[in-house]
Amino acid sequence: MPTIDLSHAETQLSRLVEALESGAEQAFVIVRNGTPVARLLPIVPFPVGARIGGAKGKFMTSNPEPTLEAAVSGMFLGKLD
């Protein structure tokens, strides 16, 4: 992990980010007066599987009560009775 002085990081931020994006570097440690103060890392996308319908068929629900269902629908539509 390369160590970069803070003043250099300020002036070369675009190049540092490009190095992270391209994979040329994994991370940079930013130092001030020789003391590490920050680490610059790339954002790694988190793989997400299928989400919609992921629990389909895993839960059993009863038939909704029509008056309660109408009241809840009305709340979503801004109708407060």
PDB file of N, CA and C in Angstrom:
ATOM      1  N   MET A   1       0.848  -1.166   0.000  1.00  0.00           N
ATOM      2  CA  MET A   1       0.000   0.000   0.000  1.00  0.00           C
ATOM      3  C   MET A   1       0.900   1.238   0.000  1.00  0.00           C
ATOM      4  N   PRO A   2       0.889   1.986  -1.097  1.00  0.00           N
ATOM      5  CA  PRO A   2       1.742   3.179  -1.174  1.00  0.00           C
ATOM      6  C   PRO A   2       1.319   4.248  -0.171  1.00  0.00           C
ATOM      7  N   THR A   3       2.311   4.965   0.321  1.00  0.00           N
ATOM      8  CA  THR A   3       2.084   6.069   1.241  1.00  0.00           C
ATOM      9  C   THR A   3       2.221   7.372   0.478  1.00  0.00           C
ATOM     10  N   ILE A   4       1.222   8.257   0.614  1.00  0.00           N
ATOM     11  CA  ILE A   4       1.193   9.522  -0.114  1.00  0.00           C
ATOM     12  C   ILE A   4       1.078  10.653   0.903  1.00  0.00           C
ATOM     13  N   ASP A   5       1.900  11.684   0.744  1.00  0.00           N
ATOM     14  CA  ASP A   5       1.806  12.852   1.604  1.00  0.00           C
ATOM     15  C   ASP A   5       0.512  13.597   1.307  1.00  0.00           C
ATOM     16  N   LEU A   6      -0.090  14.198   2.308  1.00  0.00           N
ATOM     17  CA  LEU A   6      -1.374  14.881   2.165  1.00  0.00           C
ATOM     18  C   LEU A   6      -1.340  15.944   1.082  1.00  0.00           C
ATOM     19  N   SER A   7      -0.299  16.751   1.032  1.00  0.00           N
ATOM     20  CA  SER A   7      -0.231  17.811   0.023  1.00  0.00           C
ATOM     21  C   SER A   7      -0.176  17.224  -1.385  1.00  0.00           C
ATOM     22  N   HIS A   8       0.520  16.096  -1.545  1.00  0.00           N
ATOM     23  CA  HIS A   8       0.571  15.424  -2.842  1.00  0.00           C
ATOM     24  C   HIS A   8      -0.801  14.846  -3.179  1.00  0.00           C
ATOM     25  N   ALA A   9      -1.488  14.269  -2.216  1.00  0.00           N
ATOM     26  CA  ALA A   9      -2.814  13.693  -2.440  1.00  0.00           C
ATOM     27  C   ALA A   9      -3.808  14.770  -2.867  1.00  0.00           C
ATOM     28  N   GLU A  10      -3.679  15.967  -2.286  1.00  0.00           N
ATOM     29  CA  GLU A  10      -4.578  17.064  -2.649  1.00  0.00           C
ATOM     30  C   GLU A  10      -4.411  17.462  -4.110  1.00  0.00           C
ATOM     31  N   THR A  11      -3.185  17.509  -4.574  1.00  0.00           N
ATOM     32  CA  THR A  11      -2.935  17.960  -5.941  1.00  0.00           C
ATOM     33  C   THR A  11      -3.086  16.847  -6.970  1.00  0.00           C
ATOM     34  N   GLN A  12      -2.977  15.598  -6.544  1.00  0.00           N
ATOM     35  CA  GLN A  12      -3.007  14.472  -7.472  1.00  0.00           C
ATOM     36  C   GLN A  12      -4.202  13.542  -7.257  1.00  0.00           C
ATOM     37  N   LEU A  13      -5.266  14.052  -6.660  1.00  0.00           N
ATOM     38  CA  LEU A  13      -6.400  13.199  -6.319  1.00  0.00           C
ATOM     39  C   LEU A  13      -6.978  12.479  -7.538  1.00  0.00           C
ATOM     40  N   SER A  14      -7.122  13.168  -8.656  1.00  0.00           N
ATOM     41  CA  SER A  14      -7.681  12.537  -9.854  1.00  0.00           C
ATOM     42  C   SER A  14      -6.828  11.352 -10.299  1.00  0.00           C
ATOM     43  N   ARG A  15      -5.530  11.510 -10.274  1.00  0.00           N
ATOM     44  CA  ARG A  15      -4.639  10.421 -10.679  1.00  0.00           C
ATOM     45  C   ARG A  15      -4.693   9.256  -9.690  1.00  0.00           C
ATOM     46  N   LEU A  16      -4.811   9.560  -8.424  1.00  0.00           N
ATOM     47  CA  LEU A  16      -4.911   8.499  -7.422  1.00  0.00           C
ATOM     48  C   LEU A  16      -6.200   7.698  -7.616  1.00  0.00           C
ATOM     49  N   VAL A  17      -7.300   8.400  -7.870  1.00  0.00           N
ATOM     50  CA  VAL A  17      -8.581   7.730  -8.085  1.00  0.00           C
ATOM     51  C   VAL A  17      -8.522   6.883  -9.357  1.00  0.00           C
ATOM     52  N   GLU A  18      -7.905   7.390 -10.399  1.00  0.00           N
ATOM     53  CA  GLU A  18      -7.755   6.617 -11.634  1.00  0.00           C
ATOM     54  C   GLU A  18      -6.955   5.336 -11.387  1.00  0.00           C
ATOM     55  N   ALA A  19      -5.910   5.432 -10.575  1.00  0.00           N
ATOM     56  CA  ALA A  19      -5.108   4.244 -10.261  1.00  0.00           C
ATOM     57  C   ALA A  19      -5.932   3.204  -9.514  1.00  0.00           C
ATOM     58  N   LEU A  20      -6.836   3.663  -8.649  1.00  0.00           N
ATOM     59  CA  LEU A  20      -7.716   2.734  -7.930  1.00  0.00           C
ATOM     60  C   LEU A  20      -8.735   2.115  -8.878  1.00  0.00           C
ATOM     61  N   GLU A  21      -9.320   2.946  -9.740  1.00  0.00           N
ATOM     62  CA  GLU A  21     -10.331   2.444 -10.679  1.00  0.00           C
ATOM     63  C   GLU A  21      -9.760   1.425 -11.652  1.00  0.00           C
ATOM     64  N   SER A  22      -8.551   1.667 -12.112  1.00  0.00           N
ATOM     65  CA  SER A  22      -7.940   0.768 -13.093  1.00  0.00           C
ATOM     66  C   SER A  22      -7.413  -0.516 -12.458  1.00  0.00           C
ATOM     67  N   GLY A  23      -7.268  -0.511 -11.139  1.00  0.00           N
ATOM     68  CA  GLY A  23      -6.735  -1.678 -10.450  1.00  0.00           C
ATOM     69  C   GLY A  23      -5.229  -1.660 -10.327  1.00  0.00           C
ATOM     70  N   ALA A  24      -4.595  -0.571 -10.772  1.00  0.00           N
ATOM     71  CA  ALA A  24      -3.142  -0.455 -10.659  1.00  0.00           C
ATOM     72  C   ALA A  24      -2.707  -0.431  -9.195  1.00  0.00           C
ATOM     73  N   GLU A  25      -3.558   0.098  -8.326  1.00  0.00           N
ATOM     74  CA  GLU A  25      -3.289   0.136  -6.881  1.00  0.00           C
ATOM     75  C   GLU A  25      -4.521  -0.344  -6.140  1.00  0.00           C
ATOM     76  N   GLN A  26      -4.307  -0.988  -4.999  1.00  0.00           N
ATOM     77  CA  GLN A  26      -5.400  -1.474  -4.168  1.00  0.00           C
ATOM     78  C   GLN A  26      -5.886  -0.399  -3.194  1.00  0.00           C
ATOM     79  N   ALA A  27      -4.959   0.428  -2.714  1.00  0.00           N
ATOM     80  CA  ALA A  27      -5.288   1.460  -1.731  1.00  0.00           C
ATOM     81  C   ALA A  27      -4.095   2.386  -1.580  1.00  0.00           C
ATOM     82  N   PHE A  28      -4.325   3.548  -0.970  1.00  0.00           N
ATOM     83  CA  PHE A  28      -3.267   4.494  -0.637  1.00  0.00           C
ATOM     84  C   PHE A  28      -3.430   4.893   0.820  1.00  0.00           C
ATOM     85  N   VAL A  29      -2.312   5.042   1.512  1.00  0.00           N
ATOM     86  CA  VAL A  29      -2.326   5.587   2.870  1.00  0.00           C
ATOM     87  C   VAL A  29      -1.878   7.027   2.754  1.00  0.00           C
ATOM     88  N   ILE A  30      -2.692   7.936   3.272  1.00  0.00           N
ATOM     89  CA  ILE A  30      -2.368   9.361   3.234  1.00  0.00           C
ATOM     90  C   ILE A  30      -1.766   9.737   4.578  1.00  0.00           C
ATOM     91  N   VAL A  31      -0.593  10.399   4.521  1.00  0.00           N
ATOM     92  CA  VAL A  31       0.109  10.775   5.749  1.00  0.00           C
ATOM     93  C   VAL A  31       0.248  12.288   5.838  1.00  0.00           C
ATOM     94  N   ARG A  32       0.236  12.779   7.066  1.00  0.00           N
ATOM     95  CA  ARG A  32       0.499  14.193   7.339  1.00  0.00           C
ATOM     96  C   ARG A  32       1.668  14.227   8.312  1.00  0.00           C
ATOM     97  N   ASN A  33       2.741  14.862   7.906  1.00  0.00           N
ATOM     98  CA  ASN A  33       3.964  14.943   8.716  1.00  0.00           C
ATOM     99  C   ASN A  33       4.450  13.555   9.124  1.00  0.00           C
ATOM    100  N   GLY A  34       4.318  12.602   8.207  1.00  0.00           N
ATOM    101  CA  GLY A  34       4.807  11.260   8.461  1.00  0.00           C
ATOM    102  C   GLY A  34       3.876  10.360   9.258  1.00  0.00           C
ATOM    103  N   THR A  35       2.739  10.895   9.692  1.00  0.00           N
ATOM    104  CA  THR A  35       1.777  10.114  10.480  1.00  0.00           C
ATOM    105  C   THR A  35       0.580   9.735   9.602  1.00  0.00           C
ATOM    106  N   PRO A  36       0.241   8.458   9.512  1.00  0.00           N
ATOM    107  CA  PRO A  36      -0.924   8.064   8.718  1.00  0.00           C
ATOM    108  C   PRO A  36      -2.202   8.680   9.279  1.00  0.00           C
ATOM    109  N   VAL A  37      -2.996   9.291   8.390  1.00  0.00           N
ATOM    110  CA  VAL A  37      -4.238   9.933   8.826  1.00  0.00           C
ATOM    111  C   VAL A  37      -5.466   9.428   8.082  1.00  0.00           C
ATOM    112  N   ALA A  38      -5.282   8.792   6.915  1.00  0.00           N
ATOM    113  CA  ALA A  38      -6.436   8.318   6.145  1.00  0.00           C
ATOM    114  C   ALA A  38      -6.002   7.229   5.180  1.00  0.00           C
ATOM    115  N   ARG A  39      -6.997   6.488   4.713  1.00  0.00           N
ATOM    116  CA  ARG A  39      -6.748   5.463   3.703  1.00  0.00           C
ATOM    117  C   ARG A  39      -7.732   5.695   2.559  1.00  0.00           C
ATOM    118  N   LEU A  40      -7.231   5.738   1.338  1.00  0.00           N
ATOM    119  CA  LEU A  40      -8.055   5.919   0.156  1.00  0.00           C
ATOM    120  C   LEU A  40      -8.240   4.555  -0.495  1.00  0.00           C
ATOM    121  N   LEU A  41      -9.513   4.113  -0.562  1.00  0.00           N
ATOM    122  CA  LEU A  41      -9.839   2.778  -1.071  1.00  0.00           C
ATOM    123  C   LEU A  41     -10.856   2.886  -2.195  1.00  0.00           C
ATOM    124  N   PRO A  42     -10.852   1.927  -3.123  1.00  0.00           N
ATOM    125  CA  PRO A  42     -11.915   1.923  -4.129  1.00  0.00           C
ATOM    126  C   PRO A  42     -13.198   1.362  -3.514  1.00  0.00           C
ATOM    127  N   ILE A  43     -14.325   1.750  -4.064  1.00  0.00           N
ATOM    128  CA  ILE A  43     -15.596   1.176  -3.633  1.00  0.00           C
ATOM    129  C   ILE A  43     -15.801  -0.090  -4.438  1.00  0.00           C
ATOM    130  N   VAL A  44     -15.957  -1.183  -3.740  1.00  0.00           N
ATOM    131  CA  VAL A  44     -16.154  -2.473  -4.387  1.00  0.00           C
ATOM    132  C   VAL A  44     -17.647  -2.756  -4.403  1.00  0.00           C
ATOM    133  N   PRO A  45     -18.228  -2.953  -5.585  1.00  0.00           N
ATOM    134  CA  PRO A  45     -19.667  -3.213  -5.632  1.00  0.00           C
ATOM    135  C   PRO A  45     -20.012  -4.496  -4.890  1.00  0.00           C
ATOM    136  N   PHE A  46     -21.068  -4.433  -4.132  1.00  0.00           N
ATOM    137  CA  PHE A  46     -21.526  -5.583  -3.371  1.00  0.00           C
ATOM    138  C   PHE A  46     -22.477  -6.380  -4.251  1.00  0.00           C
ATOM    139  N   PRO A  47     -22.167  -7.638  -4.536  1.00  0.00           N
ATOM    140  CA  PRO A  47     -23.056  -8.411  -5.399  1.00  0.00           C
ATOM    141  C   PRO A  47     -24.400  -8.675  -4.715  1.00  0.00           C
ATOM    142  N   VAL A  48     -25.456  -8.388  -5.436  1.00  0.00           N
ATOM    143  CA  VAL A  48     -26.792  -8.557  -4.885  1.00  0.00           C
ATOM    144  C   VAL A  48     -27.539  -9.546  -5.762  1.00  0.00           C
ATOM    145  N   GLY A  49     -28.123 -10.517  -5.134  1.00  0.00           N
ATOM    146  CA  GLY A  49     -28.910 -11.491  -5.869  1.00  0.00           C
ATOM    147  C   GLY A  49     -30.307 -10.955  -6.153  1.00  0.00           C
ATOM    148  N   ALA A  50     -31.122 -11.804  -6.701  1.00  0.00           N
ATOM    149  CA  ALA A  50     -32.498 -11.418  -6.971  1.00  0.00           C
ATOM    150  C   ALA A  50     -33.207 -11.114  -5.660  1.00  0.00           C
ATOM    151  N   ARG A  51     -33.874  -9.976  -5.594  1.00  0.00           N
ATOM    152  CA  ARG A  51     -34.522  -9.587  -4.357  1.00  0.00           C
ATOM    153  C   ARG A  51     -36.039  -9.650  -4.455  1.00  0.00           C
ATOM    154  N   ILE A  52     -36.595  -9.232  -5.570  1.00  0.00           N
ATOM    155  CA  ILE A  52     -38.044  -9.200  -5.682  1.00  0.00           C
ATOM    156  C   ILE A  52     -38.542 -10.636  -5.817  1.00  0.00           C
ATOM    157  N   GLY A  53     -39.405 -11.003  -4.940  1.00  0.00           N
ATOM    158  CA  GLY A  53     -39.972 -12.347  -4.975  1.00  0.00           C
ATOM    159  C   GLY A  53     -39.081 -13.391  -4.323  1.00  0.00           C
ATOM    160  N   GLY A  54     -38.040 -12.969  -3.626  1.00  0.00           N
ATOM    161  CA  GLY A  54     -37.119 -13.915  -3.017  1.00  0.00           C
ATOM    162  C   GLY A  54     -37.743 -14.789  -1.942  1.00  0.00           C
ATOM    163  N   ALA A  55     -38.797 -14.305  -1.306  1.00  0.00           N
ATOM    164  CA  ALA A  55     -39.453 -15.076  -0.252  1.00  0.00           C
ATOM    165  C   ALA A  55     -40.783 -15.656  -0.715  1.00  0.00           C
ATOM    166  N   LYS A  56     -41.015 -15.613  -2.028  1.00  0.00           N
ATOM    167  CA  LYS A  56     -42.292 -16.093  -2.563  1.00  0.00           C
ATOM    168  C   LYS A  56     -42.496 -17.562  -2.204  1.00  0.00           C
ATOM    169  N   GLY A  57     -43.653 -17.842  -1.630  1.00  0.00           N
ATOM    170  CA  GLY A  57     -44.004 -19.204  -1.278  1.00  0.00           C
ATOM    171  C   GLY A  57     -43.459 -19.664   0.071  1.00  0.00           C
ATOM    172  N   LYS A  58     -42.727 -18.823   0.768  1.00  0.00           N
ATOM    173  CA  LYS A  58     -42.145 -19.210   2.054  1.00  0.00           C
ATOM    174  C   LYS A  58     -43.031 -18.826   3.238  1.00  0.00           C
ATOM    175  N   PHE A  59     -44.022 -17.972   3.003  1.00  0.00           N
ATOM    176  CA  PHE A  59     -44.888 -17.512   4.074  1.00  0.00           C
ATOM    177  C   PHE A  59     -46.337 -17.723   3.679  1.00  0.00           C
ATOM    178  N   MET A  60     -47.128 -18.098   4.639  1.00  0.00           N
ATOM    179  CA  MET A  60     -48.553 -18.272   4.407  1.00  0.00           C
ATOM    180  C   MET A  60     -49.281 -17.113   5.070  1.00  0.00           C
ATOM    181  N   THR A  61     -50.219 -16.515   4.334  1.00  0.00           N
ATOM    182  CA  THR A  61     -51.015 -15.429   4.889  1.00  0.00           C
ATOM    183  C   THR A  61     -52.488 -15.792   4.776  1.00  0.00           C
ATOM    184  N   SER A  62     -53.271 -15.226   5.660  1.00  0.00           N
ATOM    185  CA  SER A  62     -54.711 -15.457   5.588  1.00  0.00           C
ATOM    186  C   SER A  62     -55.306 -14.495   4.567  1.00  0.00           C
ATOM    187  N   ASN A  63     -56.543 -14.761   4.185  1.00  0.00           N
ATOM    188  CA  ASN A  63     -57.224 -13.846   3.266  1.00  0.00           C
ATOM    189  C   ASN A  63     -57.470 -12.532   3.990  1.00  0.00           C
ATOM    190  N   PRO A  64     -57.188 -11.399   3.330  1.00  0.00           N
ATOM    191  CA  PRO A  64     -57.369 -10.110   4.007  1.00  0.00           C
ATOM    192  C   PRO A  64     -58.848  -9.785   4.218  1.00  0.00           C
ATOM    193  N   GLU A  65     -59.109  -9.088   5.306  1.00  0.00           N
ATOM    194  CA  GLU A  65     -60.468  -8.634   5.597  1.00  0.00           C
ATOM    195  C   GLU A  65     -60.761  -7.450   4.677  1.00  0.00           C
ATOM    196  N   PRO A  66     -61.838  -7.474   3.924  1.00  0.00           N
ATOM    197  CA  PRO A  66     -62.099  -6.420   2.924  1.00  0.00           C
ATOM    198  C   PRO A  66     -62.166  -5.011   3.495  1.00  0.00           C
ATOM    199  N   THR A  67     -62.769  -4.828   4.667  1.00  0.00           N
ATOM    200  CA  THR A  67     -62.874  -3.469   5.219  1.00  0.00           C
ATOM    201  C   THR A  67     -61.510  -2.960   5.664  1.00  0.00           C
ATOM    202  N   LEU A  68     -60.701  -3.834   6.247  1.00  0.00           N
ATOM    203  CA  LEU A  68     -59.356  -3.439   6.674  1.00  0.00           C
ATOM    204  C   LEU A  68     -58.479  -3.140   5.456  1.00  0.00           C
ATOM    205  N   GLU A  69     -58.600  -3.965   4.421  1.00  0.00           N
ATOM    206  CA  GLU A  69     -57.816  -3.752   3.212  1.00  0.00           C
ATOM    207  C   GLU A  69     -58.181  -2.418   2.558  1.00  0.00           C
ATOM    208  N   ALA A  70     -59.469  -2.087   2.538  1.00  0.00           N
ATOM    209  CA  ALA A  70     -59.927  -0.821   1.969  1.00  0.00           C
ATOM    210  C   ALA A  70     -59.402   0.362   2.791  1.00  0.00           C
ATOM    211  N   ALA A  71     -59.388   0.219   4.116  1.00  0.00           N
ATOM    212  CA  ALA A  71     -58.897   1.295   4.977  1.00  0.00           C
ATOM    213  C   ALA A  71     -57.409   1.534   4.759  1.00  0.00           C
ATOM    214  N   VAL A  72     -56.633   0.479   4.663  1.00  0.00           N
ATOM    215  CA  VAL A  72     -55.190   0.618   4.449  1.00  0.00           C
ATOM    216  C   VAL A  72     -54.919   1.212   3.065  1.00  0.00           C
ATOM    217  N   SER A  73     -55.644   0.745   2.056  1.00  0.00           N
ATOM    218  CA  SER A  73     -55.483   1.301   0.715  1.00  0.00           C
ATOM    219  C   SER A  73     -55.806   2.782   0.711  1.00  0.00           C
ATOM    220  N   GLY A  74     -56.846   3.163   1.438  1.00  0.00           N
ATOM    221  CA  GLY A  74     -57.221   4.568   1.532  1.00  0.00           C
ATOM    222  C   GLY A  74     -56.133   5.411   2.170  1.00  0.00           C
ATOM    223  N   MET A  75     -55.449   4.862   3.172  1.00  0.00           N
ATOM    224  CA  MET A  75     -54.354   5.590   3.816  1.00  0.00           C
ATOM    225  C   MET A  75     -53.217   5.849   2.828  1.00  0.00           C
ATOM    226  N   PHE A  76     -52.914   4.848   1.984  1.00  0.00           N
ATOM    227  CA  PHE A  76     -51.856   5.035   0.992  1.00  0.00           C
ATOM    228  C   PHE A  76     -52.241   6.049  -0.069  1.00  0.00           C
ATOM    229  N   LEU A  77     -53.535   6.172  -0.325  1.00  0.00           N
ATOM    230  CA  LEU A  77     -54.007   7.110  -1.328  1.00  0.00           C
ATOM    231  C   LEU A  77     -54.338   8.480  -0.728  1.00  0.00           C
ATOM    232  N   GLY A  78     -54.096   8.652   0.557  1.00  0.00           N
ATOM    233  CA  GLY A  78     -54.326   9.945   1.202  1.00  0.00           C
ATOM    234  C   GLY A  78     -55.745  10.178   1.646  1.00  0.00           C
ATOM    235  N   LYS A  79     -56.548   9.136   1.698  1.00  0.00           N
ATOM    236  CA  LYS A  79     -57.934   9.248   2.156  1.00  0.00           C
ATOM    237  C   LYS A  79     -58.028   8.771   3.588  1.00  0.00           C
ATOM    238  N   LEU A  80     -58.119   9.694   4.508  1.00  0.00           N
ATOM    239  CA  LEU A  80     -58.224   9.345   5.924  1.00  0.00           C
ATOM    240  C   LEU A  80     -59.678   9.495   6.365  1.00  0.00           C
ATOM    241  N   ASP A  81     -60.339   8.388   6.614  1.00  0.00           N
ATOM    242  CA  ASP A  81     -61.742   8.422   7.056  1.00  0.00           C
ATOM    243  C   ASP A  81     -61.833   8.134   8.526  1.00  0.00           C
TER     244      ASP A  81
END
